[in-house]
Structure formats: structure tokens, C-alpha cells
C-alpha atoms as a PDB file:
ATOM      1  CA  MET A   1     -11.389  11.494  -3.167  1.00  0.00           C
ATOM      2  CA  THR A   2     -13.531  10.833  -0.132  1.00  0.00           C
ATOM      3  CA  THR A   3     -17.233  10.936   0.577  1.00  0.00           C
ATOM      4  CA  ASP A   4     -18.973  12.743   3.389  1.00  0.00           C
ATOM      5  CA  ASN A   5     -21.468   9.915   3.801  1.00  0.00           C
ATOM      6  CA  LYS A   6     -19.784   7.281   5.953  1.00  0.00           C
ATOM      7  CA  ASP A   7     -22.497   4.766   5.006  1.00  0.00           C
ATOM      8  CA  THR A   8     -21.263   4.696   1.415  1.00  0.00           C
ATOM      9  CA  THR A   9     -17.849   4.530  -0.223  1.00  0.00           C
ATOM     10  CA  HIS A  10     -16.234   3.960  -3.594  1.00  0.00           C
ATOM     11  CA  PHE A  11     -15.368   0.689  -5.274  1.00  0.00           C
ATOM     12  CA  GLY A  12     -13.585   2.055  -8.285  1.00  0.00           C
ATOM     13  CA  PHE A  13     -16.051   4.463  -9.882  1.00  0.00           C
ATOM     14  CA  LYS A  14     -19.065   2.768  -8.276  1.00  0.00           C
ATOM     15  CA  THR A  15     -20.708   4.040  -5.103  1.00  0.00           C
ATOM     16  CA  ILE A  16     -21.453   1.127  -2.766  1.00  0.00           C
ATOM     17  CA  LYS A  17     -22.390   0.523   0.855  1.00  0.00           C
ATOM     18  CA  ALA A  18     -19.286   0.943   3.016  1.00  0.00           C
ATOM     19  CA  GLU A  19     -19.881  -2.449   4.617  1.00  0.00           C
ATOM     20  CA  GLU A  20     -19.572  -4.131   1.208  1.00  0.00           C
ATOM     21  CA  LYS A  21     -16.168  -2.785   0.184  1.00  0.00           C
ATOM     22  CA  GLU A  22     -13.956  -5.078   2.242  1.00  0.00           C
ATOM     23  CA  THR A  23     -15.538  -8.175   0.710  1.00  0.00           C
ATOM     24  CA  MET A  24     -15.437  -6.762  -2.817  1.00  0.00           C
ATOM     25  CA  VAL A  25     -11.776  -5.731  -2.538  1.00  0.00           C
ATOM     26  CA  ALA A  26     -10.997  -9.155  -1.074  1.00  0.00           C
ATOM     27  CA  GLY A  27     -12.484 -10.739  -4.179  1.00  0.00           C
ATOM     28  CA  VAL A  28     -10.156  -8.716  -6.392  1.00  0.00           C
ATOM     29  CA  PHE A  29      -7.016  -9.721  -4.528  1.00  0.00           C
ATOM     30  CA  HIS A  30      -8.001 -13.368  -4.085  1.00  0.00           C
ATOM     31  CA  SER A  31      -8.303 -13.361  -7.880  1.00  0.00           C
ATOM     32  CA  VAL A  32      -4.991 -11.665  -8.702  1.00  0.00           C
ATOM     33  CA  ALA A  33      -2.742 -12.940  -5.875  1.00  0.00           C
ATOM     34  CA  LYS A  34      -0.905 -15.657  -7.796  1.00  0.00           C
ATOM     35  CA  GLN A  35      -0.147 -13.367 -10.745  1.00  0.00           C
ATOM     36  CA  TYR A  36       0.393 -10.227  -8.658  1.00  0.00           C
ATOM     37  CA  ASP A  37       4.195 -10.032  -8.942  1.00  0.00           C
ATOM     38  CA  ILE A  38       4.194 -10.747 -12.657  1.00  0.00           C
ATOM     39  CA  MET A  39       1.525  -8.123 -13.267  1.00  0.00           C
ATOM     40  CA  ASN A  40       3.433  -5.543 -11.202  1.00  0.00           C
ATOM     41  CA  ASP A  41       6.431  -5.969 -13.479  1.00  0.00           C
ATOM     42  CA  VAL A  42       4.306  -5.902 -16.634  1.00  0.00           C
ATOM     43  CA  MET A  43       2.136  -2.929 -15.590  1.00  0.00           C
ATOM     44  CA  SER A  44       4.977  -0.718 -14.390  1.00  0.00           C
ATOM     45  CA  PHE A  45       7.676  -1.967 -16.782  1.00  0.00           C
ATOM     46  CA  GLY A  46       9.597  -2.950 -13.657  1.00  0.00           C
ATOM     47  CA  ILE A  47       9.677   0.603 -12.274  1.00  0.00           C
ATOM     48  CA  HIS A  48       7.780  -0.472  -9.125  1.00  0.00           C
ATOM     49  CA  ARG A  49      11.073  -1.943  -7.924  1.00  0.00           C
ATOM     50  CA  LEU A  50      12.679   1.520  -8.018  1.00  0.00           C
ATOM     51  CA  TRP A  51       9.709   3.071  -6.202  1.00  0.00           C
ATOM     52  CA  LYS A  52      10.038   0.471  -3.448  1.00  0.00           C
ATOM     53  CA  ARG A  53      13.811   0.935  -3.265  1.00  0.00           C
ATOM     54  CA  PHE A  54      13.270   4.674  -2.816  1.00  0.00           C
ATOM     55  CA  THR A  55      10.828   3.926   0.013  1.00  0.00           C
ATOM     56  CA  ILE A  56      13.347   1.698   1.778  1.00  0.00           C
ATOM     57  CA  ASP A  57      16.045   4.365   1.439  1.00  0.00           C
ATOM     58  CA  ALA A  58      13.675   7.055   2.767  1.00  0.00           C
ATOM     59  CA  SER A  59      12.604   4.976   5.762  1.00  0.00           C
ATOM     60  CA  GLY A  60      15.765   5.479   7.793  1.00  0.00           C
ATOM     61  CA  VAL A  61      15.664   1.803   8.797  1.00  0.00           C
ATOM     62  CA  ARG A  62      18.329   0.681  11.266  1.00  0.00           C
ATOM     63  CA  PRO A  63      19.435  -2.698  12.654  1.00  0.00           C
ATOM     64  CA  GLY A  64      17.160  -3.704  15.519  1.00  0.00           C
ATOM     65  CA  ASN A  65      14.142  -1.723  14.295  1.00  0.00           C
ATOM     66  CA  SER A  66      10.611  -3.058  14.606  1.00  0.00           C
ATOM     67  CA  ILE A  67       8.731  -2.634  11.323  1.00  0.00           C
ATOM     68  CA  LEU A  68       5.168  -3.167  10.172  1.00  0.00           C
ATOM     69  CA  ASP A  69       4.819  -3.713   6.419  1.00  0.00           C
ATOM     70  CA  LEU A  70       1.089  -3.093   6.199  1.00  0.00           C
ATOM     71  CA  ALA A  71      -0.857  -4.309   3.159  1.00  0.00           C
ATOM     72  CA  GLY A  72       2.498  -5.903   2.451  1.00  0.00           C
ATOM     73  CA  GLY A  73       1.103  -8.368  -0.055  1.00  0.00           C
ATOM     74  CA  THR A  74       3.817 -10.500  -1.624  1.00  0.00           C
ATOM     75  CA  GLY A  75       6.517  -9.098   0.631  1.00  0.00           C
ATOM     76  CA  ASP A  76       8.867  -7.024  -1.521  1.00  0.00           C
ATOM     77  CA  LEU A  77       9.431  -4.450   1.242  1.00  0.00           C
ATOM     78  CA  THR A  78       9.501  -7.087   3.977  1.00  0.00           C
ATOM     79  CA  ALA A  79      12.333  -8.944   2.249  1.00  0.00           C
ATOM     80  CA  LYS A  80      14.486  -5.803   2.164  1.00  0.00           C
ATOM     81  CA  PHE A  81      13.581  -4.749   5.707  1.00  0.00           C
ATOM     82  CA  SER A  82      14.352  -8.233   7.046  1.00  0.00           C
ATOM     83  CA  LYS A  83      17.924  -7.971   5.791  1.00  0.00           C
ATOM     84  CA  LEU A  84      18.430  -4.398   6.992  1.00  0.00           C
ATOM     85  CA  THR A  85      17.004  -4.856  10.506  1.00  0.00           C
ATOM     86  CA  GLY A  86      19.075  -7.976  11.102  1.00  0.00           C
ATOM     87  CA  PRO A  87      18.679 -10.644  13.781  1.00  0.00           C
ATOM     88  CA  THR A  88      17.859  -8.109  16.503  1.00  0.00           C
ATOM     89  CA  GLY A  89      15.051  -6.552  14.440  1.00  0.00           C
ATOM     90  CA  LYS A  90      11.506  -7.651  13.759  1.00  0.00           C
ATOM     91  CA  VAL A  91       9.414  -7.261  10.617  1.00  0.00           C
ATOM     92  CA  ILE A  92       5.709  -8.071  10.441  1.00  0.00           C
ATOM     93  CA  LEU A  93       4.184  -8.638   7.020  1.00  0.00           C
ATOM     94  CA  ALA A  94       0.504  -7.824   7.479  1.00  0.00           C
ATOM     95  CA  ASP A  95      -2.282  -7.999   4.931  1.00  0.00           C
ATOM     96  CA  ILE A  96      -6.058  -8.199   5.198  1.00  0.00           C
ATOM     97  CA  ASN A  97      -6.164 -10.673   2.312  1.00  0.00           C
ATOM     98  CA  SER A  98      -5.289 -14.280   3.135  1.00  0.00           C
ATOM     99  CA  SER A  99      -4.420 -15.165  -0.470  1.00  0.00           C
ATOM    100  CA  MET A 100      -1.918 -12.324  -0.748  1.00  0.00           C
ATOM    101  CA  LEU A 101      -0.460 -13.171   2.660  1.00  0.00           C
ATOM    102  CA  ASN A 102      -0.023 -16.828   1.708  1.00  0.00           C
ATOM    103  CA  VAL A 103       1.675 -15.939  -1.568  1.00  0.00           C
ATOM    104  CA  GLY A 104       3.974 -13.535   0.284  1.00  0.00           C
ATOM    105  CA  ARG A 105       4.868 -16.071   2.969  1.00  0.00           C
ATOM    106  CA  ASP A 106       5.648 -18.800   0.429  1.00  0.00           C
ATOM    107  CA  LYS A 107       7.712 -16.426  -1.690  1.00  0.00           C
ATOM    108  CA  LEU A 108       9.802 -15.123   1.212  1.00  0.00           C
ATOM    109  CA  ARG A 109      10.411 -18.600   2.596  1.00  0.00           C
ATOM    110  CA  ASP A 110      11.565 -19.716  -0.855  1.00  0.00           C
ATOM    111  CA  LEU A 111      13.976 -16.751  -0.816  1.00  0.00           C
ATOM    112  CA  GLY A 112      15.288 -17.846   2.589  1.00  0.00           C
ATOM    113  CA  VAL A 113      13.754 -14.900   4.452  1.00  0.00           C
ATOM    114  CA  VAL A 114      13.163 -16.413   7.875  1.00  0.00           C
ATOM    115  CA  GLY A 115      13.949 -15.706  11.508  1.00  0.00           C
ATOM    116  CA  ASN A 116      12.931 -12.095  12.032  1.00  0.00           C
ATOM    117  CA  VAL A 117       9.685 -12.042   9.995  1.00  0.00           C
ATOM    118  CA  ASP A 118       6.166 -12.788  11.229  1.00  0.00           C
ATOM    119  CA  TYR A 119       2.938 -12.917   9.200  1.00  0.00           C
ATOM    120  CA  VAL A 120      -0.328 -11.441  10.455  1.00  0.00           C
ATOM    121  CA  GLN A 121      -3.713 -11.135   8.760  1.00  0.00           C
ATOM    122  CA  ALA A 122      -4.863  -7.678   9.821  1.00  0.00           C
ATOM    123  CA  ASN A 123      -7.278  -4.898   8.924  1.00  0.00           C
ATOM    124  CA  ALA A 124      -5.544  -1.513   8.711  1.00  0.00           C
ATOM    125  CA  GLU A 125      -8.536   0.153  10.348  1.00  0.00           C
ATOM    126  CA  ALA A 126      -8.163  -1.892  13.552  1.00  0.00           C
ATOM    127  CA  LEU A 127      -4.594  -3.088  13.864  1.00  0.00           C
ATOM    128  CA  PRO A 128      -4.171  -5.964  16.363  1.00  0.00           C
ATOM    129  CA  PHE A 129      -0.985  -4.561  17.923  1.00  0.00           C
ATOM    130  CA  ASP A 130      -0.184  -2.747  21.145  1.00  0.00           C
ATOM    131  CA  ASP A 131       0.267   1.016  21.299  1.00  0.00           C
ATOM    132  CA  ASN A 132       3.785   2.257  20.540  1.00  0.00           C
ATOM    133  CA  SER A 133       4.965  -1.014  18.964  1.00  0.00           C
ATOM    134  CA  PHE A 134       6.794  -0.045  15.763  1.00  0.00           C
ATOM    135  CA  ASP A 135       9.634   2.231  14.686  1.00  0.00           C
ATOM    136  CA  ILE A 136       8.400   2.240  11.077  1.00  0.00           C
ATOM    137  CA  VAL A 137       5.109   1.472   9.361  1.00  0.00           C
ATOM    138  CA  THR A 138       4.948   1.232   5.579  1.00  0.00           C
ATOM    139  CA  ILE A 139       1.896   0.800   3.384  1.00  0.00           C
ATOM    140  CA  ALA A 140       2.681   0.431  -0.312  1.00  0.00           C
ATOM    141  CA  PHE A 141      -0.130   0.461  -2.868  1.00  0.00           C
ATOM    142  CA  GLY A 142      -2.645  -0.533  -0.216  1.00  0.00           C
ATOM    143  CA  LEU A 143      -4.170   2.590   1.312  1.00  0.00           C
ATOM    144  CA  ARG A 144      -6.419   3.260  -1.677  1.00  0.00           C
ATOM    145  CA  ASN A 145      -8.167  -0.081  -1.062  1.00  0.00           C
ATOM    146  CA  VAL A 146      -8.991   0.713   2.581  1.00  0.00           C
ATOM    147  CA  THR A 147     -12.628   1.605   3.228  1.00  0.00           C
ATOM    148  CA  ASP A 148     -12.051   4.231   5.957  1.00  0.00           C
ATOM    149  CA  LYS A 149      -8.638   5.748   5.292  1.00  0.00           C
ATOM    150  CA  ASP A 150      -8.875   8.242   8.164  1.00  0.00           C
ATOM    151  CA  LYS A 151      -9.533   5.425  10.614  1.00  0.00           C
ATOM    152  CA  ALA A 152      -6.611   3.445   9.211  1.00  0.00           C
ATOM    153  CA  LEU A 153      -4.247   6.408   9.574  1.00  0.00           C
ATOM    154  CA  ARG A 154      -5.297   6.837  13.213  1.00  0.00           C
ATOM    155  CA  SER A 155      -4.768   3.122  13.811  1.00  0.00           C
ATOM    156  CA  ILE A 156      -1.287   3.333  12.315  1.00  0.00           C
ATOM    157  CA  PHE A 157      -0.499   6.393  14.421  1.00  0.00           C
ATOM    158  CA  ARG A 158      -1.496   4.488  17.563  1.00  0.00           C
ATOM    159  CA  VAL A 159       0.860   1.540  16.957  1.00  0.00           C
ATOM    160  CA  LEU A 160       3.871   3.703  16.083  1.00  0.00           C
ATOM    161  CA  LYS A 161       6.401   4.478  18.787  1.00  0.00           C
ATOM    162  CA  PRO A 162       7.088   8.136  19.611  1.00  0.00           C
ATOM    163  CA  GLY A 163       9.655   9.197  17.032  1.00  0.00           C
ATOM    164  CA  GLY A 164       8.370   6.534  14.649  1.00  0.00           C
ATOM    165  CA  ARG A 165       7.430   7.221  11.059  1.00  0.00           C
ATOM    166  CA  LEU A 166       4.840   6.238   8.489  1.00  0.00           C
ATOM    167  CA  LEU A 167       5.629   5.909   4.795  1.00  0.00           C
ATOM    168  CA  VAL A 168       2.748   5.687   2.319  1.00  0.00           C
ATOM    169  CA  LEU A 169       3.751   4.691  -1.213  1.00  0.00           C
ATOM    170  CA  GLU A 170       0.738   5.053  -3.465  1.00  0.00           C
ATOM    171  CA  PHE A 171      -0.405   5.992  -6.936  1.00  0.00           C
ATOM    172  CA  SER A 172      -1.256   9.675  -7.056  1.00  0.00           C
ATOM    173  CA  LYS A 173      -1.972  12.525  -9.466  1.00  0.00           C
ATOM    174  CA  PRO A 174       0.492  13.199 -12.314  1.00  0.00           C
ATOM    175  CA  GLU A 175       2.006  16.669 -12.205  1.00  0.00           C
ATOM    176  CA  HIS A 176       1.564  17.529 -15.881  1.00  0.00           C
ATOM    177  CA  ASP A 177      -1.565  17.459 -18.021  1.00  0.00           C
ATOM    178  CA  LEU A 178       0.068  15.673 -20.965  1.00  0.00           C
ATOM    179  CA  LEU A 179       1.366  12.918 -18.690  1.00  0.00           C
ATOM    180  CA  ASN A 180      -2.053  12.693 -17.044  1.00  0.00           C
ATOM    181  CA  LYS A 181      -3.747  12.154 -20.422  1.00  0.00           C
ATOM    182  CA  ALA A 182      -1.234   9.505 -21.468  1.00  0.00           C
ATOM    183  CA  TYR A 183      -1.604   7.788 -18.104  1.00  0.00           C
ATOM    184  CA  ASP A 184      -5.406   7.772 -18.427  1.00  0.00           C
ATOM    185  CA  PHE A 185      -5.176   6.201 -21.882  1.00  0.00           C
ATOM    186  CA  TYR A 186      -2.811   3.517 -20.603  1.00  0.00           C
ATOM    187  CA  SER A 187      -4.871   2.810 -17.482  1.00  0.00           C
ATOM    188  CA  PHE A 188      -8.247   2.401 -19.149  1.00  0.00           C
ATOM    189  CA  ASN A 189      -7.328   1.083 -22.595  1.00  0.00           C
ATOM    190  CA  ILE A 190      -4.235  -1.052 -22.069  1.00  0.00           C
ATOM    191  CA  LEU A 191      -4.095  -2.085 -18.409  1.00  0.00           C
ATOM    192  CA  PRO A 192      -7.365  -4.090 -18.335  1.00  0.00           C
ATOM    193  CA  LYS A 193      -6.288  -5.906 -21.529  1.00  0.00           C
ATOM    194  CA  MET A 194      -2.968  -6.781 -19.855  1.00  0.00           C
ATOM    195  CA  GLY A 195      -4.904  -8.067 -16.867  1.00  0.00           C
ATOM    196  CA  GLU A 196      -7.033 -10.247 -19.118  1.00  0.00           C
ATOM    197  CA  LEU A 197      -4.029 -11.553 -21.037  1.00  0.00           C
ATOM    198  CA  VAL A 198      -1.642 -12.216 -18.148  1.00  0.00           C
ATOM    199  CA  ALA A 199      -3.893 -12.758 -15.119  1.00  0.00           C
ATOM    200  CA  LYS A 200      -7.058 -13.812 -16.982  1.00  0.00           C
ATOM    201  CA  ASP A 201      -8.897 -11.092 -15.069  1.00  0.00           C
ATOM    202  CA  GLY A 202      -9.428  -7.818 -16.886  1.00  0.00           C
ATOM    203  CA  GLU A 203     -12.256  -6.782 -14.564  1.00  0.00           C
ATOM    204  CA  SER A 204     -10.050  -6.696 -11.462  1.00  0.00           C
ATOM    205  CA  TYR A 205      -7.497  -4.528 -13.222  1.00  0.00           C
ATOM    206  CA  GLN A 206     -10.255  -2.210 -14.399  1.00  0.00           C
ATOM    207  CA  TYR A 207     -11.139  -1.775 -10.706  1.00  0.00           C
ATOM    208  CA  LEU A 208      -7.494  -1.141  -9.802  1.00  0.00           C
ATOM    209  CA  ALA A 209      -7.253   1.581 -12.455  1.00  0.00           C
ATOM    210  CA  GLU A 210     -10.450   3.191 -11.190  1.00  0.00           C
ATOM    211  CA  SER A 211      -9.364   2.940  -7.549  1.00  0.00           C
ATOM    212  CA  ILE A 212      -6.237   4.935  -8.359  1.00  0.00           C
ATOM    213  CA  ARG A 213      -8.355   7.787  -9.735  1.00  0.00           C
ATOM    214  CA  MET A 214     -10.552   7.820  -6.627  1.00  0.00           C
ATOM    215  CA  HIS A 215      -7.593   7.975  -4.225  1.00  0.00           C
ATOM    216  CA  PRO A 216      -6.825  11.344  -2.572  1.00  0.00           C
ATOM    217  CA  ASP A 217      -4.257  13.481  -4.376  1.00  0.00           C
ATOM    218  CA  GLN A 218      -0.937  14.433  -2.818  1.00  0.00           C
ATOM    219  CA  GLU A 219      -2.032  17.470  -0.825  1.00  0.00           C
ATOM    220  CA  THR A 220      -5.273  15.851   0.345  1.00  0.00           C
ATOM    221  CA  LEU A 221      -3.457  12.782   1.668  1.00  0.00           C
ATOM    222  CA  LYS A 222      -0.890  15.004   3.378  1.00  0.00           C
ATOM    223  CA  THR A 223      -3.727  16.810   5.183  1.00  0.00           C
ATOM    224  CA  MET A 224      -5.364  13.506   6.137  1.00  0.00           C
ATOM    225  CA  MET A 225      -2.099  12.329   7.712  1.00  0.00           C
ATOM    226  CA  GLU A 226      -1.793  15.584   9.654  1.00  0.00           C
ATOM    227  CA  ASN A 227      -5.381  15.248  10.865  1.00  0.00           C
ATOM    228  CA  ALA A 228      -4.509  11.775  12.170  1.00  0.00           C
ATOM    229  CA  GLY A 229      -1.712  13.297  14.280  1.00  0.00           C
ATOM    230  CA  PHE A 230       1.359  13.012  12.055  1.00  0.00           C
ATOM    231  CA  GLU A 231       3.878  15.851  12.021  1.00  0.00           C
ATOM    232  CA  GLN A 232       6.622  16.994   9.637  1.00  0.00           C
ATOM    233  CA  THR A 233       4.523  15.418   6.899  1.00  0.00           C
ATOM    234  CA  THR A 234       6.019  15.599   3.408  1.00  0.00           C
ATOM    235  CA  TYR A 235       5.637  13.899   0.060  1.00  0.00           C
ATOM    236  CA  HIS A 236       7.933  13.210  -2.850  1.00  0.00           C
ATOM    237  CA  ASN A 237       6.574  12.705  -6.356  1.00  0.00           C
ATOM    238  CA  LEU A 238       7.987   9.810  -8.347  1.00  0.00           C
ATOM    239  CA  THR A 239       7.703   9.293 -12.110  1.00  0.00           C
ATOM    240  CA  GLY A 240       6.062  12.680 -12.570  1.00  0.00           C
ATOM    241  CA  GLY A 241       3.564  12.207  -9.765  1.00  0.00           C
ATOM    242  CA  ILE A 242       2.147   8.919 -11.054  1.00  0.00           C
ATOM    243  CA  VAL A 243       3.308   7.681  -7.645  1.00  0.00           C
ATOM    244  CA  ALA A 244       4.004   9.663  -4.497  1.00  0.00           C
ATOM    245  CA  LEU A 245       5.776   8.735  -1.272  1.00  0.00           C
ATOM    246  CA  HIS A 246       4.269  10.426   1.786  1.00  0.00           C
ATOM    247  CA  LYS A 247       6.147  10.461   5.068  1.00  0.00           C
ATOM    248  CA  GLY A 248       5.053  11.586   8.512  1.00  0.00           C
ATOM    249  CA  TYR A 249       6.310  11.290  12.092  1.00  0.00           C
ATOM    250  CA  LYS A 250       4.720  10.594  15.439  1.00  0.00           C
ATOM    251  CA  PHE A 251       6.143  12.766  18.219  1.00  0.00           C
END
């Protein structure tokens, strides 16, 4: 869901000044960074690993590719891309949040992921990279936290090489009403309690649940990508549409 008034935006279910969102989202992720991986496993029952594996497989990554893992957080995609691109490739793990970036860097270094990975603190709406720099850009579970999603999609389009592709892995709208009701119950009755128990921060996970509901549905996001210039744009629903993988090309 978007708003026509560019001076305001959503922070979960709240309407706030657009200029305030970046700071408020930063507060959430500074709070949850150290427990982020554990909570991902707990919240999704480990299924997030399959969603990310599907994204890697759909990316068409090749040795020597240049890849931007945007809003890459703790680096799950970066770790896989680093191995697949090899010594002639380059992967940049970028995140607007310094706490998430630091956790990701420490984690990947502990895993021995070095050599072809760089770390950049970057805002998706104004990427600090040259035009036509990347073969692949991924953004997994990050687009819904961006204040101006249209601006971010245009920024991504600019830094992609001709023939390059964007993959957006994000929570979306379940395909069936019964699943949607069960998902709502889980999100608003169980998820915040998990956040309080595991991460000692139920409020941040309440925001994350709300932010999912305010994110554009599958068809709306597809149209937004096309408006930003992407072609051959498609999406694939995962786990009944709870998550969707959108893909688009720059020609």
C-alpha cells in the first residue's frame, strides 16, 4: 500500500512524516540486529532458508558476476553469492543500518567469506554506485522498510547493467482466505510474543508484522517495477503467497 501524499508515509499502521521513517526503522533494526538470525529461524520455522535458496537459484548467477545484495542485513544471500561468483566475481553487501551491516560482516568473516565481498552502508533510494555497475541486484525482506519504494526501484534500475536483473524477495499477500486469516492470527498474536521472549523486543516485531500488511501486494509491486523501467517482470508465490519473489530485467 502506498500513499499519494509524499510528505507522509507508513510506519507499520501509523501515518508519520516521511522524513521520520528512516530514523524510526533504524531504531527497529539497531534493536533486533544481534538476534536477527535467531528470530528469522524461529519466526519462519526455518523456511526463510528455502525462500533464499529459491532466490539464489532464480538469479541466474554465474562466475565473475557483479552482485549487489541490497538491504542484505546479516548476509545470507551474500555468503551464497560469494561462493558462486568465485574469485573473479564481486559481491557487495549493502545495508542502510550500521548495526545490521556490522553483524553481517562479523558473521561472514567468521564463516571465512572473504576476498570477493565488500561492505557498504547505503540508502536504497540513492545508491552510491556508478550507472550500469551490477549484473544482479537482490533485496530480500528490505523493500517494505524503504520510505520511497518507487525512488528505490529507479535507483536500482540505474545501477544495473543492461541485461541485468533485479530480484525482490518480500512478504506478500497470501493467496487463500483461510491461510490469510491464520497468518494474521500468527502475526499479531504470536509473533510479537516471540519477539519479546527471544529478542526482548515485542514492539519491534509488532512493527514488522504491520509493515508486511502495508507492503504492496504482488500485482501492485509488479506494476511499480515496470513503472521504474523493468521489463519481463514476473513473480512467483512461495508458501501460498506469504512470500513472493519478483524478478525484472533491465534492457
